[in-house]
Amino acid sequence: MGHDERVVDRLAAGTAVGRLAQALANLSPGERDAVLLVAYGGLSYPEVAAALGVAEGTVASRLSRARTKLRDALGVEV
């Protein structure tokens, strides 16, 4: 990969990170906590529920809503 391609890749990655950060900031605190604990922390639904003091169903609901919002904000199609 040439220098020009590396520069373009880095700029694209920086833009994607910025869009993701903005999309995460737009989530409710509960949705954001659930997403980060699962995606970044690697916790299971029961672990997230215990950490946040909520039911597992609440974790599932928050993650479902958050995923929809993130897909819409990032223009990802499933």
PDB file of N, CA and C in Angstrom:
ATOM      1  N   MET A   1       0.846  -1.170   0.000  1.00  0.00           N
ATOM      2  CA  MET A   1       0.000   0.000   0.000  1.00  0.00           C
ATOM      3  C   MET A   1       0.891   1.233   0.000  1.00  0.00           C
ATOM      4  N   GLY A   2       0.578   2.157  -0.883  1.00  0.00           N
ATOM      5  CA  GLY A   2       1.365   3.369  -1.000  1.00  0.00           C
ATOM      6  C   GLY A   2       0.997   4.407   0.043  1.00  0.00           C
ATOM      7  N   HIS A   3       1.817   5.448   0.107  1.00  0.00           N
ATOM      8  CA  HIS A   3       1.607   6.526   1.071  1.00  0.00           C
ATOM      9  C   HIS A   3       0.237   7.179   0.886  1.00  0.00           C
ATOM     10  N   ASP A   4      -0.140   7.459  -0.356  1.00  0.00           N
ATOM     11  CA  ASP A   4      -1.427   8.113  -0.615  1.00  0.00           C
ATOM     12  C   ASP A   4      -2.594   7.274  -0.106  1.00  0.00           C
ATOM     13  N   GLU A   5      -2.519   5.964  -0.314  1.00  0.00           N
ATOM     14  CA  GLU A   5      -3.589   5.078   0.146  1.00  0.00           C
ATOM     15  C   GLU A   5      -3.662   5.052   1.668  1.00  0.00           C
ATOM     16  N   ARG A   6      -2.509   5.072   2.312  1.00  0.00           N
ATOM     17  CA  ARG A   6      -2.489   5.072   3.782  1.00  0.00           C
ATOM     18  C   ARG A   6      -3.108   6.362   4.327  1.00  0.00           C
ATOM     19  N   VAL A   7      -2.818   7.472   3.694  1.00  0.00           N
ATOM     20  CA  VAL A   7      -3.375   8.758   4.120  1.00  0.00           C
ATOM     21  C   VAL A   7      -4.892   8.741   3.976  1.00  0.00           C
ATOM     22  N   VAL A   8      -5.382   8.268   2.849  1.00  0.00           N
ATOM     23  CA  VAL A   8      -6.826   8.187   2.625  1.00  0.00           C
ATOM     24  C   VAL A   8      -7.481   7.262   3.648  1.00  0.00           C
ATOM     25  N   ASP A   9      -6.862   6.124   3.921  1.00  0.00           N
ATOM     26  CA  ASP A   9      -7.399   5.184   4.911  1.00  0.00           C
ATOM     27  C   ASP A   9      -7.464   5.815   6.299  1.00  0.00           C
ATOM     28  N   ARG A  10      -6.423   6.539   6.671  1.00  0.00           N
ATOM     29  CA  ARG A  10      -6.408   7.181   7.992  1.00  0.00           C
ATOM     30  C   ARG A  10      -7.465   8.266   8.087  1.00  0.00           C
ATOM     31  N   LEU A  11      -7.642   9.034   7.034  1.00  0.00           N
ATOM     32  CA  LEU A  11      -8.680  10.069   7.041  1.00  0.00           C
ATOM     33  C   LEU A  11     -10.071   9.450   7.127  1.00  0.00           C
ATOM     34  N   ALA A  12     -10.284   8.384   6.391  1.00  0.00           N
ATOM     35  CA  ALA A  12     -11.577   7.698   6.428  1.00  0.00           C
ATOM     36  C   ALA A  12     -11.843   7.123   7.806  1.00  0.00           C
ATOM     37  N   ALA A  13     -10.819   6.542   8.417  1.00  0.00           N
ATOM     38  CA  ALA A  13     -10.975   5.978   9.760  1.00  0.00           C
ATOM     39  C   ALA A  13     -11.278   7.080  10.768  1.00  0.00           C
ATOM     40  N   GLY A  14     -10.609   8.205  10.643  1.00  0.00           N
ATOM     41  CA  GLY A  14     -10.856   9.329  11.545  1.00  0.00           C
ATOM     42  C   GLY A  14     -12.271   9.852  11.421  1.00  0.00           C
ATOM     43  N   THR A  15     -12.776   9.912  10.211  1.00  0.00           N
ATOM     44  CA  THR A  15     -14.150  10.349   9.981  1.00  0.00           C
ATOM     45  C   THR A  15     -15.126   9.360  10.587  1.00  0.00           C
ATOM     46  N   ALA A  16     -14.869   8.071  10.410  1.00  0.00           N
ATOM     47  CA  ALA A  16     -15.749   7.035  10.962  1.00  0.00           C
ATOM     48  C   ALA A  16     -15.771   7.094  12.480  1.00  0.00           C
ATOM     49  N   VAL A  17     -14.621   7.311  13.096  1.00  0.00           N
ATOM     50  CA  VAL A  17     -14.547   7.392  14.552  1.00  0.00           C
ATOM     51  C   VAL A  17     -15.347   8.596  15.042  1.00  0.00           C
ATOM     52  N   GLY A  18     -15.233   9.704  14.356  1.00  0.00           N
ATOM     53  CA  GLY A  18     -15.990  10.898  14.728  1.00  0.00           C
ATOM     54  C   GLY A  18     -17.489  10.678  14.624  1.00  0.00           C
ATOM     55  N   ARG A  19     -17.910  10.021  13.562  1.00  0.00           N
ATOM     56  CA  ARG A  19     -19.340   9.731  13.384  1.00  0.00           C
ATOM     57  C   ARG A  19     -19.835   8.780  14.460  1.00  0.00           C
ATOM     58  N   LEU A  20     -19.021   7.777  14.786  1.00  0.00           N
ATOM     59  CA  LEU A  20     -19.401   6.835  15.829  1.00  0.00           C
ATOM     60  C   LEU A  20     -19.482   7.540  17.183  1.00  0.00           C
ATOM     61  N   ALA A  21     -18.511   8.388  17.483  1.00  0.00           N
ATOM     62  CA  ALA A  21     -18.529   9.116  18.755  1.00  0.00           C
ATOM     63  C   ALA A  21     -19.773   9.985  18.867  1.00  0.00           C
ATOM     64  N   GLN A  22     -20.145  10.649  17.795  1.00  0.00           N
ATOM     65  CA  GLN A  22     -21.350  11.487  17.807  1.00  0.00           C
ATOM     66  C   GLN A  22     -22.598  10.636  17.965  1.00  0.00           C
ATOM     67  N   ALA A  23     -22.646   9.510  17.275  1.00  0.00           N
ATOM     68  CA  ALA A  23     -23.806   8.618  17.382  1.00  0.00           C
ATOM     69  C   ALA A  23     -23.939   8.075  18.805  1.00  0.00           C
ATOM     70  N   LEU A  24     -22.824   7.719  19.434  1.00  0.00           N
ATOM     71  CA  LEU A  24     -22.863   7.251  20.818  1.00  0.00           C
ATOM     72  C   LEU A  24     -23.309   8.364  21.763  1.00  0.00           C
ATOM     73  N   ALA A  25     -22.854   9.584  21.511  1.00  0.00           N
ATOM     74  CA  ALA A  25     -23.231  10.717  22.355  1.00  0.00           C
ATOM     75  C   ALA A  25     -24.725  11.000  22.281  1.00  0.00           C
ATOM     76  N   ASN A  26     -25.350  10.642  21.173  1.00  0.00           N
ATOM     77  CA  ASN A  26     -26.770  10.897  20.991  1.00  0.00           C
ATOM     78  C   ASN A  26     -27.663   9.834  21.626  1.00  0.00           C
ATOM     79  N   LEU A  27     -27.077   8.738  22.088  1.00  0.00           N
ATOM     80  CA  LEU A  27     -27.861   7.711  22.777  1.00  0.00           C
ATOM     81  C   LEU A  27     -28.216   8.192  24.179  1.00  0.00           C
ATOM     82  N   SER A  28     -29.249   7.599  24.759  1.00  0.00           N
ATOM     83  CA  SER A  28     -29.548   7.889  26.165  1.00  0.00           C
ATOM     84  C   SER A  28     -28.415   7.302  27.011  1.00  0.00           C
ATOM     85  N   PRO A  29     -28.238   7.809  28.217  1.00  0.00           N
ATOM     86  CA  PRO A  29     -27.168   7.262  29.061  1.00  0.00           C
ATOM     87  C   PRO A  29     -27.292   5.745  29.283  1.00  0.00           C
ATOM     88  N   GLY A  30     -28.497   5.252  29.482  1.00  0.00           N
ATOM     89  CA  GLY A  30     -28.691   3.815  29.688  1.00  0.00           C
ATOM     90  C   GLY A  30     -28.332   3.002  28.463  1.00  0.00           C
ATOM     91  N   GLU A  31     -28.720   3.508  27.287  1.00  0.00           N
ATOM     92  CA  GLU A  31     -28.376   2.810  26.040  1.00  0.00           C
ATOM     93  C   GLU A  31     -26.869   2.812  25.826  1.00  0.00           C
ATOM     94  N   ARG A  32     -26.257   3.972  26.044  1.00  0.00           N
ATOM     95  CA  ARG A  32     -24.806   4.091  25.851  1.00  0.00           C
ATOM     96  C   ARG A  32     -24.057   3.176  26.816  1.00  0.00           C
ATOM     97  N   ASP A  33     -24.468   3.157  28.078  1.00  0.00           N
ATOM     98  CA  ASP A  33     -23.812   2.277  29.055  1.00  0.00           C
ATOM     99  C   ASP A  33     -23.896   0.821  28.617  1.00  0.00           C
ATOM    100  N   ALA A  34     -25.074   0.396  28.187  1.00  0.00           N
ATOM    101  CA  ALA A  34     -25.255  -0.994  27.770  1.00  0.00           C
ATOM    102  C   ALA A  34     -24.365  -1.326  26.570  1.00  0.00           C
ATOM    103  N   VAL A  35     -24.349  -0.450  25.586  1.00  0.00           N
ATOM    104  CA  VAL A  35     -23.536  -0.682  24.386  1.00  0.00           C
ATOM    105  C   VAL A  35     -22.057  -0.780  24.754  1.00  0.00           C
ATOM    106  N   LEU A  36     -21.582   0.156  25.543  1.00  0.00           N
ATOM    107  CA  LEU A  36     -20.157   0.164  25.870  1.00  0.00           C
ATOM    108  C   LEU A  36     -19.764  -1.025  26.743  1.00  0.00           C
ATOM    109  N   LEU A  37     -20.633  -1.421  27.666  1.00  0.00           N
ATOM    110  CA  LEU A  37     -20.301  -2.566  28.511  1.00  0.00           C
ATOM    111  C   LEU A  37     -20.265  -3.866  27.716  1.00  0.00           C
ATOM    112  N   VAL A  38     -21.128  -3.984  26.710  1.00  0.00           N
ATOM    113  CA  VAL A  38     -21.134  -5.191  25.876  1.00  0.00           C
ATOM    114  C   VAL A  38     -20.012  -5.133  24.833  1.00  0.00           C
ATOM    115  N   ALA A  39     -19.957  -4.033  24.076  1.00  0.00           N
ATOM    116  CA  ALA A  39     -19.024  -3.949  22.947  1.00  0.00           C
ATOM    117  C   ALA A  39     -17.581  -3.715  23.398  1.00  0.00           C
ATOM    118  N   TYR A  40     -17.387  -2.849  24.349  1.00  0.00           N
ATOM    119  CA  TYR A  40     -16.029  -2.502  24.774  1.00  0.00           C
ATOM    120  C   TYR A  40     -15.585  -3.341  25.971  1.00  0.00           C
ATOM    121  N   GLY A  41     -16.514  -3.529  26.914  1.00  0.00           N
ATOM    122  CA  GLY A  41     -16.180  -4.271  28.116  1.00  0.00           C
ATOM    123  C   GLY A  41     -16.259  -5.773  27.969  1.00  0.00           C
ATOM    124  N   GLY A  42     -16.968  -6.232  26.934  1.00  0.00           N
ATOM    125  CA  GLY A  42     -17.086  -7.661  26.698  1.00  0.00           C
ATOM    126  C   GLY A  42     -17.979  -8.377  27.706  1.00  0.00           C
ATOM    127  N   LEU A  43     -18.853  -7.633  28.373  1.00  0.00           N
ATOM    128  CA  LEU A  43     -19.729  -8.237  29.371  1.00  0.00           C
ATOM    129  C   LEU A  43     -20.921  -8.919  28.711  1.00  0.00           C
ATOM    130  N   SER A  44     -21.436  -9.926  29.378  1.00  0.00           N
ATOM    131  CA  SER A  44     -22.653 -10.610  28.928  1.00  0.00           C
ATOM    132  C   SER A  44     -23.866  -9.806  29.402  1.00  0.00           C
ATOM    133  N   TYR A  45     -25.037 -10.146  28.862  1.00  0.00           N
ATOM    134  CA  TYR A  45     -26.251  -9.461  29.293  1.00  0.00           C
ATOM    135  C   TYR A  45     -26.459  -9.569  30.803  1.00  0.00           C
ATOM    136  N   PRO A  46     -26.308 -10.762  31.401  1.00  0.00           N
ATOM    137  CA  PRO A  46     -26.467 -10.848  32.853  1.00  0.00           C
ATOM    138  C   PRO A  46     -25.458  -9.974  33.619  1.00  0.00           C
ATOM    139  N   GLU A  47     -24.237  -9.906  33.113  1.00  0.00           N
ATOM    140  CA  GLU A  47     -23.222  -9.079  33.765  1.00  0.00           C
ATOM    141  C   GLU A  47     -23.560  -7.591  33.657  1.00  0.00           C
ATOM    142  N   VAL A  48     -24.040  -7.182  32.490  1.00  0.00           N
ATOM    143  CA  VAL A  48     -24.442  -5.784  32.305  1.00  0.00           C
ATOM    144  C   VAL A  48     -25.619  -5.461  33.220  1.00  0.00           C
ATOM    145  N   ALA A  49     -26.582  -6.368  33.279  1.00  0.00           N
ATOM    146  CA  ALA A  49     -27.751  -6.161  34.137  1.00  0.00           C
ATOM    147  C   ALA A  49     -27.316  -5.973  35.587  1.00  0.00           C
ATOM    148  N   ALA A  50     -26.402  -6.812  36.057  1.00  0.00           N
ATOM    149  CA  ALA A  50     -25.915  -6.697  37.430  1.00  0.00           C
ATOM    150  C   ALA A  50     -25.155  -5.383  37.644  1.00  0.00           C
ATOM    151  N   ALA A  51     -24.335  -5.012  36.672  1.00  0.00           N
ATOM    152  CA  ALA A  51     -23.534  -3.785  36.788  1.00  0.00           C
ATOM    153  C   ALA A  51     -24.416  -2.544  36.831  1.00  0.00           C
ATOM    154  N   LEU A  52     -25.499  -2.560  36.069  1.00  0.00           N
ATOM    155  CA  LEU A  52     -26.377  -1.389  35.987  1.00  0.00           C
ATOM    156  C   LEU A  52     -27.551  -1.455  36.960  1.00  0.00           C
ATOM    157  N   GLY A  53     -27.734  -2.604  37.599  1.00  0.00           N
ATOM    158  CA  GLY A  53     -28.842  -2.755  38.533  1.00  0.00           C
ATOM    159  C   GLY A  53     -30.198  -2.781  37.865  1.00  0.00           C
ATOM    160  N   VAL A  54     -30.255  -3.407  36.685  1.00  0.00           N
ATOM    161  CA  VAL A  54     -31.511  -3.513  35.932  1.00  0.00           C
ATOM    162  C   VAL A  54     -31.725  -4.977  35.537  1.00  0.00           C
ATOM    163  N   ALA A  55     -32.905  -5.269  35.027  1.00  0.00           N
ATOM    164  CA  ALA A  55     -33.219  -6.620  34.568  1.00  0.00           C
ATOM    165  C   ALA A  55     -32.527  -6.908  33.231  1.00  0.00           C
ATOM    166  N   GLU A  56     -32.310  -8.199  32.956  1.00  0.00           N
ATOM    167  CA  GLU A  56     -31.715  -8.580  31.667  1.00  0.00           C
ATOM    168  C   GLU A  56     -32.570  -8.113  30.501  1.00  0.00           C
ATOM    169  N   GLY A  57     -33.881  -8.158  30.655  1.00  0.00           N
ATOM    170  CA  GLY A  57     -34.774  -7.689  29.598  1.00  0.00           C
ATOM    171  C   GLY A  57     -34.575  -6.215  29.299  1.00  0.00           C
ATOM    172  N   THR A  58     -34.275  -5.441  30.322  1.00  0.00           N
ATOM    173  CA  THR A  58     -33.995  -4.013  30.134  1.00  0.00           C
ATOM    174  C   THR A  58     -32.716  -3.831  29.332  1.00  0.00           C
ATOM    175  N   VAL A  59     -31.720  -4.647  29.639  1.00  0.00           N
ATOM    176  CA  VAL A  59     -30.463  -4.586  28.876  1.00  0.00           C
ATOM    177  C   VAL A  59     -30.739  -4.903  27.410  1.00  0.00           C
ATOM    178  N   ALA A  60     -31.504  -5.962  27.157  1.00  0.00           N
ATOM    179  CA  ALA A  60     -31.826  -6.358  25.782  1.00  0.00           C
ATOM    180  C   ALA A  60     -32.576  -5.240  25.060  1.00  0.00           C
ATOM    181  N   SER A  61     -33.532  -4.614  25.738  1.00  0.00           N
ATOM    182  CA  SER A  61     -34.296  -3.522  25.130  1.00  0.00           C
ATOM    183  C   SER A  61     -33.403  -2.331  24.808  1.00  0.00           C
ATOM    184  N   ARG A  62     -32.565  -1.975  25.759  1.00  0.00           N
ATOM    185  CA  ARG A  62     -31.657  -0.837  25.542  1.00  0.00           C
ATOM    186  C   ARG A  62     -30.711  -1.105  24.380  1.00  0.00           C
ATOM    187  N   LEU A  63     -30.188  -2.319  24.313  1.00  0.00           N
ATOM    188  CA  LEU A  63     -29.274  -2.644  23.221  1.00  0.00           C
ATOM    189  C   LEU A  63     -29.988  -2.649  21.878  1.00  0.00           C
ATOM    190  N   SER A  64     -31.198  -3.149  21.849  1.00  0.00           N
ATOM    191  CA  SER A  64     -31.957  -3.169  20.600  1.00  0.00           C
ATOM    192  C   SER A  64     -32.205  -1.748  20.103  1.00  0.00           C
ATOM    193  N   ARG A  65     -32.664  -0.882  21.000  1.00  0.00           N
ATOM    194  CA  ARG A  65     -32.909   0.519  20.612  1.00  0.00           C
ATOM    195  C   ARG A  65     -31.612   1.201  20.186  1.00  0.00           C
ATOM    196  N   ALA A  66     -30.544   0.957  20.948  1.00  0.00           N
ATOM    197  CA  ALA A  66     -29.261   1.587  20.633  1.00  0.00           C
ATOM    198  C   ALA A  66     -28.734   1.130  19.282  1.00  0.00           C
ATOM    199  N   ARG A  67     -28.836  -0.159  18.993  1.00  0.00           N
ATOM    200  CA  ARG A  67     -28.355  -0.667  17.700  1.00  0.00           C
ATOM    201  C   ARG A  67     -29.113  -0.031  16.545  1.00  0.00           C
ATOM    202  N   THR A  68     -30.425   0.102  16.705  1.00  0.00           N
ATOM    203  CA  THR A  68     -31.227   0.744  15.651  1.00  0.00           C
ATOM    204  C   THR A  68     -30.777   2.184  15.452  1.00  0.00           C
ATOM    205  N   LYS A  69     -30.604   2.915  16.541  1.00  0.00           N
ATOM    206  CA  LYS A  69     -30.179   4.314  16.441  1.00  0.00           C
ATOM    207  C   LYS A  69     -28.782   4.429  15.829  1.00  0.00           C
ATOM    208  N   LEU A  70     -27.872   3.549  16.226  1.00  0.00           N
ATOM    209  CA  LEU A  70     -26.515   3.589  15.680  1.00  0.00           C
ATOM    210  C   LEU A  70     -26.503   3.253  14.194  1.00  0.00           C
ATOM    211  N   ARG A  71     -27.267   2.228  13.802  1.00  0.00           N
ATOM    212  CA  ARG A  71     -27.343   1.884  12.371  1.00  0.00           C
ATOM    213  C   ARG A  71     -27.869   3.060  11.568  1.00  0.00           C
ATOM    214  N   ASP A  72     -28.933   3.697  12.074  1.00  0.00           N
ATOM    215  CA  ASP A  72     -29.511   4.841  11.359  1.00  0.00           C
ATOM    216  C   ASP A  72     -28.518   6.002  11.272  1.00  0.00           C
ATOM    217  N   ALA A  73     -27.856   6.295  12.380  1.00  0.00           N
ATOM    218  CA  ALA A  73     -26.912   7.416  12.413  1.00  0.00           C
ATOM    219  C   ALA A  73     -25.696   7.185  11.525  1.00  0.00           C
ATOM    220  N   LEU A  74     -25.270   5.936  11.420  1.00  0.00           N
ATOM    221  CA  LEU A  74     -24.074   5.621  10.640  1.00  0.00           C
ATOM    222  C   LEU A  74     -24.383   5.190   9.209  1.00  0.00           C
ATOM    223  N   GLY A  75     -25.677   5.081   8.890  1.00  0.00           N
ATOM    224  CA  GLY A  75     -26.061   4.700   7.533  1.00  0.00           C
ATOM    225  C   GLY A  75     -25.728   3.271   7.198  1.00  0.00           C
ATOM    226  N   VAL A  76     -25.791   2.397   8.190  1.00  0.00           N
ATOM    227  CA  VAL A  76     -25.487   0.977   7.984  1.00  0.00           C
ATOM    228  C   VAL A  76     -26.771   0.229   7.655  1.00  0.00           C
ATOM    229  N   GLU A  77     -26.708  -0.561   6.607  1.00  0.00           N
ATOM    230  CA  GLU A  77     -27.861  -1.384   6.229  1.00  0.00           C
ATOM    231  C   GLU A  77     -27.617  -2.811   6.664  1.00  0.00           C
ATOM    232  N   VAL A  78     -28.698  -3.447   7.106  1.00  0.00           N
ATOM    233  CA  VAL A  78     -28.596  -4.867   7.503  1.00  0.00           C
ATOM    234  C   VAL A  78     -29.404  -5.728   6.580  1.00  0.00           C
TER     235      VAL A  78
END
